[in-house]
Amino acid sequence: MYFMQSNHIIPRMIAGQLVTNTAYIVMAISLNLVVGIAGDLSLGHAGFMSVGAYTGIVTAVALESAVPSDPMRLIISIVVGAIAAAILGFLIGIPVLRLSGDYLAIVTLAFGEIIKEIVT
């Protein structure tokens, strides 16, 4: 999208909408993977994604002067955000490993609410 916007292939307004829609698509696919294929009800996806997004933004701002290339800074930020969300997911997943059904849903919902309270 960055390439298409910088070369004026798509307008800036449509590029902004595509970013939001792409984020919603990624969230829906990840929820479909856990709920639809694995059969577990997990309600903490937004919490994990917000941790990854926040870490990615902080990384991008910190690397603004060190990495002058926007695409390279974006790639580094995505990787760092994904690693942060994966580490937190692993740490939450260790005690929740044997839970299933309603109990897994309650714990992941609680994690999402805790992250929401920390952020706001």
N, C-alpha and C. Protein backbone atom coordinates (compact mmCIF):
# COMPACT_ATOMS: atom_id res chain seq x y z
N MET A 1 0.83 -1.18 0.00
CA MET A 1 0.00 0.00 0.00
C MET A 1 0.87 1.25 0.00
N TYR A 2 2.01 1.16 0.70
CA TYR A 2 2.93 2.30 0.72
C TYR A 2 3.41 2.60 -0.69
N PHE A 3 3.73 1.54 -1.46
CA PHE A 3 4.19 1.72 -2.83
C PHE A 3 3.11 2.35 -3.69
N MET A 4 1.88 1.86 -3.56
CA MET A 4 0.79 2.38 -4.39
C MET A 4 0.45 3.82 -4.03
N GLN A 5 0.55 4.17 -2.75
CA GLN A 5 0.25 5.54 -2.36
C GLN A 5 1.36 6.48 -2.77
N SER A 6 2.62 6.05 -2.64
CA SER A 6 3.73 6.93 -2.98
C SER A 6 3.81 7.18 -4.49
N ASN A 7 3.33 6.25 -5.29
CA ASN A 7 3.32 6.44 -6.75
C ASN A 7 1.99 6.98 -7.26
N HIS A 8 1.13 7.41 -6.35
CA HIS A 8 -0.17 8.03 -6.67
C HIS A 8 -1.07 7.11 -7.49
N ILE A 9 -0.99 5.81 -7.21
CA ILE A 9 -1.87 4.86 -7.87
C ILE A 9 -3.24 4.87 -7.20
N ILE A 10 -3.26 4.97 -5.88
CA ILE A 10 -4.52 5.07 -5.15
C ILE A 10 -4.51 6.34 -4.32
N PRO A 11 -5.67 6.95 -4.11
CA PRO A 11 -5.72 8.17 -3.29
C PRO A 11 -5.40 7.88 -1.83
N ARG A 12 -5.01 8.93 -1.12
CA ARG A 12 -4.62 8.81 0.28
C ARG A 12 -5.79 8.32 1.15
N MET A 13 -7.01 8.76 0.86
CA MET A 13 -8.17 8.36 1.65
C MET A 13 -8.41 6.86 1.53
N ILE A 14 -8.32 6.34 0.32
CA ILE A 14 -8.54 4.91 0.12
C ILE A 14 -7.43 4.10 0.77
N ALA A 15 -6.20 4.61 0.74
CA ALA A 15 -5.09 3.91 1.40
C ALA A 15 -5.33 3.82 2.90
N GLY A 16 -5.84 4.87 3.50
CA GLY A 16 -6.15 4.84 4.93
C GLY A 16 -7.24 3.82 5.25
N GLN A 17 -8.24 3.73 4.39
CA GLN A 17 -9.30 2.74 4.60
C GLN A 17 -8.79 1.32 4.40
N LEU A 18 -7.87 1.14 3.46
CA LEU A 18 -7.31 -0.19 3.23
C LEU A 18 -6.50 -0.68 4.42
N VAL A 19 -5.80 0.22 5.07
CA VAL A 19 -5.03 -0.17 6.25
C VAL A 19 -5.96 -0.66 7.36
N THR A 20 -7.02 0.06 7.61
CA THR A 20 -7.98 -0.35 8.64
C THR A 20 -8.65 -1.67 8.27
N ASN A 21 -9.08 -1.79 7.03
CA ASN A 21 -9.73 -3.02 6.59
C ASN A 21 -8.78 -4.21 6.66
N THR A 22 -7.52 -4.00 6.32
CA THR A 22 -6.54 -5.08 6.39
C THR A 22 -6.34 -5.53 7.83
N ALA A 23 -6.32 -4.59 8.77
CA ALA A 23 -6.18 -4.97 10.18
C ALA A 23 -7.37 -5.80 10.63
N TYR A 24 -8.58 -5.43 10.22
CA TYR A 24 -9.77 -6.21 10.59
C TYR A 24 -9.74 -7.59 9.95
N ILE A 25 -9.25 -7.69 8.73
CA ILE A 25 -9.16 -8.98 8.06
C ILE A 25 -8.19 -9.90 8.79
N VAL A 26 -7.05 -9.36 9.19
CA VAL A 26 -6.06 -10.16 9.93
C VAL A 26 -6.65 -10.64 11.25
N MET A 27 -7.38 -9.77 11.96
CA MET A 27 -8.01 -10.18 13.22
C MET A 27 -9.04 -11.27 12.99
N ALA A 28 -9.84 -11.15 11.94
CA ALA A 28 -10.87 -12.15 11.67
C ALA A 28 -10.25 -13.50 11.29
N ILE A 29 -9.19 -13.48 10.50
CA ILE A 29 -8.54 -14.73 10.11
C ILE A 29 -7.90 -15.41 11.31
N SER A 30 -7.27 -14.62 12.18
CA SER A 30 -6.63 -15.24 13.35
C SER A 30 -7.68 -15.81 14.31
N LEU A 31 -8.79 -15.13 14.46
CA LEU A 31 -9.87 -15.65 15.31
C LEU A 31 -10.49 -16.90 14.68
N ASN A 32 -10.60 -16.92 13.36
CA ASN A 32 -11.12 -18.10 12.68
C ASN A 32 -10.19 -19.30 12.86
N LEU A 33 -8.90 -19.04 12.89
CA LEU A 33 -7.94 -20.12 13.09
C LEU A 33 -8.12 -20.79 14.45
N VAL A 34 -8.27 -19.99 15.49
CA VAL A 34 -8.39 -20.54 16.84
C VAL A 34 -9.78 -21.11 17.09
N VAL A 35 -10.81 -20.36 16.76
CA VAL A 35 -12.18 -20.79 17.08
C VAL A 35 -12.68 -21.82 16.07
N GLY A 36 -12.48 -21.55 14.79
CA GLY A 36 -13.04 -22.43 13.77
C GLY A 36 -12.29 -23.72 13.58
N ILE A 37 -10.97 -23.64 13.48
CA ILE A 37 -10.18 -24.83 13.18
C ILE A 37 -9.79 -25.58 14.45
N ALA A 38 -9.27 -24.87 15.45
CA ALA A 38 -8.84 -25.53 16.68
C ALA A 38 -10.01 -25.85 17.60
N GLY A 39 -11.09 -25.09 17.52
CA GLY A 39 -12.26 -25.36 18.33
C GLY A 39 -12.22 -24.78 19.73
N ASP A 40 -11.27 -23.92 20.02
CA ASP A 40 -11.18 -23.28 21.34
C ASP A 40 -11.72 -21.87 21.26
N LEU A 41 -12.44 -21.46 22.29
CA LEU A 41 -12.99 -20.11 22.32
C LEU A 41 -12.01 -19.19 23.03
N SER A 42 -11.34 -18.35 22.28
CA SER A 42 -10.37 -17.41 22.83
C SER A 42 -10.88 -16.00 22.59
N LEU A 43 -10.95 -15.21 23.65
CA LEU A 43 -11.47 -13.85 23.53
C LEU A 43 -10.40 -12.79 23.76
N GLY A 44 -9.14 -13.17 23.80
CA GLY A 44 -8.07 -12.23 24.09
C GLY A 44 -7.27 -11.78 22.90
N HIS A 45 -7.77 -12.02 21.70
CA HIS A 45 -7.01 -11.66 20.50
C HIS A 45 -6.71 -10.17 20.42
N ALA A 46 -7.67 -9.36 20.74
CA ALA A 46 -7.45 -7.91 20.66
C ALA A 46 -6.36 -7.47 21.63
N GLY A 47 -6.27 -8.09 22.78
CA GLY A 47 -5.22 -7.75 23.74
C GLY A 47 -3.84 -8.07 23.21
N PHE A 48 -3.68 -9.25 22.64
CA PHE A 48 -2.38 -9.62 22.08
C PHE A 48 -2.02 -8.74 20.89
N MET A 49 -2.99 -8.44 20.06
CA MET A 49 -2.72 -7.58 18.90
C MET A 49 -2.38 -6.16 19.33
N SER A 50 -3.02 -5.68 20.38
CA SER A 50 -2.70 -4.33 20.84
C SER A 50 -1.30 -4.26 21.44
N VAL A 51 -0.87 -5.31 22.11
CA VAL A 51 0.51 -5.35 22.63
C VAL A 51 1.50 -5.32 21.48
N GLY A 52 1.25 -6.11 20.45
CA GLY A 52 2.13 -6.11 19.28
C GLY A 52 2.13 -4.79 18.55
N ALA A 53 0.96 -4.18 18.40
CA ALA A 53 0.87 -2.89 17.70
C ALA A 53 1.57 -1.79 18.48
N TYR A 54 1.37 -1.76 19.79
CA TYR A 54 2.01 -0.73 20.62
C TYR A 54 3.53 -0.89 20.59
N THR A 55 4.00 -2.12 20.70
CA THR A 55 5.45 -2.35 20.64
C THR A 55 6.01 -1.97 19.28
N GLY A 56 5.28 -2.26 18.22
CA GLY A 56 5.72 -1.88 16.88
C GLY A 56 5.81 -0.38 16.70
N ILE A 57 4.84 0.35 17.22
CA ILE A 57 4.85 1.81 17.12
C ILE A 57 6.00 2.41 17.92
N VAL A 58 6.22 1.91 19.13
CA VAL A 58 7.33 2.40 19.95
C VAL A 58 8.66 2.12 19.25
N THR A 59 8.78 0.95 18.64
CA THR A 59 10.00 0.61 17.92
C THR A 59 10.20 1.52 16.72
N ALA A 60 9.14 1.78 15.97
CA ALA A 60 9.26 2.64 14.79
C ALA A 60 9.67 4.06 15.18
N VAL A 61 9.12 4.57 16.25
CA VAL A 61 9.49 5.92 16.70
C VAL A 61 10.93 5.94 17.19
N ALA A 62 11.35 4.89 17.90
CA ALA A 62 12.72 4.84 18.41
C ALA A 62 13.74 4.71 17.28
N LEU A 63 13.37 4.05 16.19
CA LEU A 63 14.29 3.84 15.07
C LEU A 63 14.22 4.93 14.01
N GLU A 64 13.46 5.98 14.25
CA GLU A 64 13.24 7.00 13.23
C GLU A 64 14.55 7.64 12.77
N SER A 65 15.45 7.93 13.67
CA SER A 65 16.71 8.56 13.27
C SER A 65 17.76 7.52 12.91
N ALA A 66 17.67 6.32 13.47
CA ALA A 66 18.68 5.29 13.21
C ALA A 66 18.50 4.62 11.86
N VAL A 67 17.25 4.42 11.44
CA VAL A 67 16.96 3.75 10.17
C VAL A 67 16.21 4.73 9.28
N PRO A 68 16.89 5.33 8.30
CA PRO A 68 16.22 6.36 7.49
C PRO A 68 15.20 5.80 6.49
N SER A 69 15.30 4.53 6.15
CA SER A 69 14.42 3.93 5.16
C SER A 69 13.08 3.54 5.81
N ASP A 70 11.99 4.10 5.29
CA ASP A 70 10.66 3.79 5.85
C ASP A 70 10.28 2.32 5.72
N PRO A 71 10.47 1.68 4.55
CA PRO A 71 10.09 0.26 4.46
C PRO A 71 10.91 -0.63 5.40
N MET A 72 12.19 -0.33 5.57
CA MET A 72 13.01 -1.15 6.47
C MET A 72 12.57 -0.95 7.93
N ARG A 73 12.26 0.28 8.30
CA ARG A 73 11.77 0.56 9.65
C ARG A 73 10.43 -0.14 9.89
N LEU A 74 9.59 -0.19 8.87
CA LEU A 74 8.31 -0.88 8.98
C LEU A 74 8.51 -2.37 9.21
N ILE A 75 9.40 -2.97 8.46
CA ILE A 75 9.65 -4.41 8.60
C ILE A 75 10.21 -4.73 9.98
N ILE A 76 11.16 -3.92 10.44
CA ILE A 76 11.74 -4.14 11.77
C ILE A 76 10.66 -3.98 12.84
N SER A 77 9.80 -2.98 12.70
CA SER A 77 8.74 -2.74 13.69
C SER A 77 7.74 -3.89 13.72
N ILE A 78 7.39 -4.41 12.56
CA ILE A 78 6.45 -5.54 12.51
C ILE A 78 7.04 -6.76 13.18
N VAL A 79 8.31 -7.03 12.91
CA VAL A 79 8.97 -8.20 13.50
C VAL A 79 9.06 -8.05 15.03
N VAL A 80 9.46 -6.87 15.50
CA VAL A 80 9.58 -6.65 16.94
C VAL A 80 8.21 -6.74 17.62
N GLY A 81 7.18 -6.16 17.00
CA GLY A 81 5.84 -6.25 17.56
C GLY A 81 5.32 -7.67 17.61
N ALA A 82 5.59 -8.44 16.55
CA ALA A 82 5.16 -9.84 16.53
C ALA A 82 5.88 -10.65 17.60
N ILE A 83 7.17 -10.39 17.78
CA ILE A 83 7.92 -11.11 18.81
C ILE A 83 7.40 -10.76 20.20
N ALA A 84 7.10 -9.48 20.44
CA ALA A 84 6.58 -9.07 21.75
C ALA A 84 5.23 -9.73 22.03
N ALA A 85 4.34 -9.75 21.04
CA ALA A 85 3.04 -10.39 21.23
C ALA A 85 3.19 -11.90 21.42
N ALA A 86 4.13 -12.51 20.70
CA ALA A 86 4.35 -13.95 20.85
C ALA A 86 4.90 -14.29 22.23
N ILE A 87 5.83 -13.47 22.73
CA ILE A 87 6.38 -13.72 24.07
C ILE A 87 5.30 -13.58 25.13
N LEU A 88 4.49 -12.54 25.03
CA LEU A 88 3.41 -12.37 26.00
C LEU A 88 2.37 -13.48 25.88
N GLY A 89 2.08 -13.89 24.66
CA GLY A 89 1.16 -15.01 24.46
C GLY A 89 1.70 -16.31 25.04
N PHE A 90 3.01 -16.51 24.91
CA PHE A 90 3.64 -17.69 25.50
C PHE A 90 3.57 -17.64 27.02
N LEU A 91 3.84 -16.46 27.59
CA LEU A 91 3.79 -16.33 29.05
C LEU A 91 2.38 -16.52 29.60
N ILE A 92 1.38 -16.04 28.86
CA ILE A 92 -0.01 -16.26 29.28
C ILE A 92 -0.41 -17.71 29.02
N GLY A 93 0.11 -18.29 27.96
CA GLY A 93 -0.27 -19.64 27.58
C GLY A 93 0.25 -20.73 28.49
N ILE A 94 1.36 -20.49 29.18
CA ILE A 94 1.92 -21.52 30.06
C ILE A 94 0.93 -21.92 31.16
N PRO A 95 0.39 -20.98 31.95
CA PRO A 95 -0.56 -21.42 32.98
C PRO A 95 -1.93 -21.83 32.43
N VAL A 96 -2.25 -21.43 31.22
CA VAL A 96 -3.57 -21.68 30.65
C VAL A 96 -3.56 -22.94 29.78
N LEU A 97 -2.44 -23.63 29.72
CA LEU A 97 -2.25 -24.73 28.78
C LEU A 97 -3.29 -25.83 28.90
N ARG A 98 -3.69 -26.17 30.09
CA ARG A 98 -4.61 -27.29 30.29
C ARG A 98 -6.08 -26.88 30.30
N LEU A 99 -6.35 -25.60 30.14
CA LEU A 99 -7.74 -25.14 30.16
C LEU A 99 -8.37 -25.31 28.79
N SER A 100 -9.66 -25.48 28.77
CA SER A 100 -10.40 -25.53 27.50
C SER A 100 -11.82 -25.06 27.76
N GLY A 101 -12.53 -24.84 26.69
CA GLY A 101 -13.93 -24.45 26.80
C GLY A 101 -14.13 -23.10 27.45
N ASP A 102 -15.05 -23.07 28.41
CA ASP A 102 -15.41 -21.81 29.06
C ASP A 102 -14.26 -21.22 29.87
N TYR A 103 -13.44 -22.07 30.46
CA TYR A 103 -12.34 -21.57 31.29
C TYR A 103 -11.30 -20.84 30.45
N LEU A 104 -11.00 -21.37 29.28
CA LEU A 104 -10.07 -20.68 28.38
C LEU A 104 -10.65 -19.34 27.95
N ALA A 105 -11.94 -19.31 27.67
CA ALA A 105 -12.58 -18.06 27.28
C ALA A 105 -12.53 -17.03 28.41
N ILE A 106 -12.73 -17.47 29.64
CA ILE A 106 -12.71 -16.55 30.78
C ILE A 106 -11.32 -15.97 30.98
N VAL A 107 -10.30 -16.81 30.91
CA VAL A 107 -8.93 -16.33 31.13
C VAL A 107 -8.51 -15.38 30.02
N THR A 108 -8.80 -15.71 28.77
CA THR A 108 -8.40 -14.82 27.68
C THR A 108 -9.22 -13.53 27.68
N LEU A 109 -10.48 -13.60 28.09
CA LEU A 109 -11.27 -12.38 28.24
C LEU A 109 -10.69 -11.50 29.33
N ALA A 110 -10.27 -12.10 30.43
CA ALA A 110 -9.65 -11.34 31.52
C ALA A 110 -8.36 -10.68 31.05
N PHE A 111 -7.56 -11.40 30.26
CA PHE A 111 -6.32 -10.81 29.74
C PHE A 111 -6.63 -9.61 28.85
N GLY A 112 -7.62 -9.74 27.98
CA GLY A 112 -8.01 -8.61 27.13
C GLY A 112 -8.46 -7.41 27.94
N GLU A 113 -9.20 -7.65 29.01
CA GLU A 113 -9.66 -6.55 29.87
C GLU A 113 -8.50 -5.92 30.64
N ILE A 114 -7.56 -6.73 31.08
CA ILE A 114 -6.39 -6.19 31.79
C ILE A 114 -5.58 -5.29 30.86
N ILE A 115 -5.36 -5.73 29.64
CA ILE A 115 -4.62 -4.92 28.66
C ILE A 115 -5.38 -3.63 28.37
N LYS A 116 -6.71 -3.71 28.26
CA LYS A 116 -7.51 -2.51 28.01
C LYS A 116 -7.37 -1.51 29.15
N GLU A 117 -7.37 -2.00 30.37
CA GLU A 117 -7.22 -1.10 31.53
C GLU A 117 -5.82 -0.51 31.60
N ILE A 118 -4.81 -1.27 31.21
CA ILE A 118 -3.44 -0.74 31.22
C ILE A 118 -3.28 0.34 30.16
N VAL A 119 -3.85 0.12 29.00
CA VAL A 119 -3.70 1.07 27.89
C VAL A 119 -4.47 2.36 28.14
N THR A 120 -5.67 2.27 28.69
CA THR A 120 -6.48 3.48 28.88
C THR A 120 -6.29 4.12 30.22
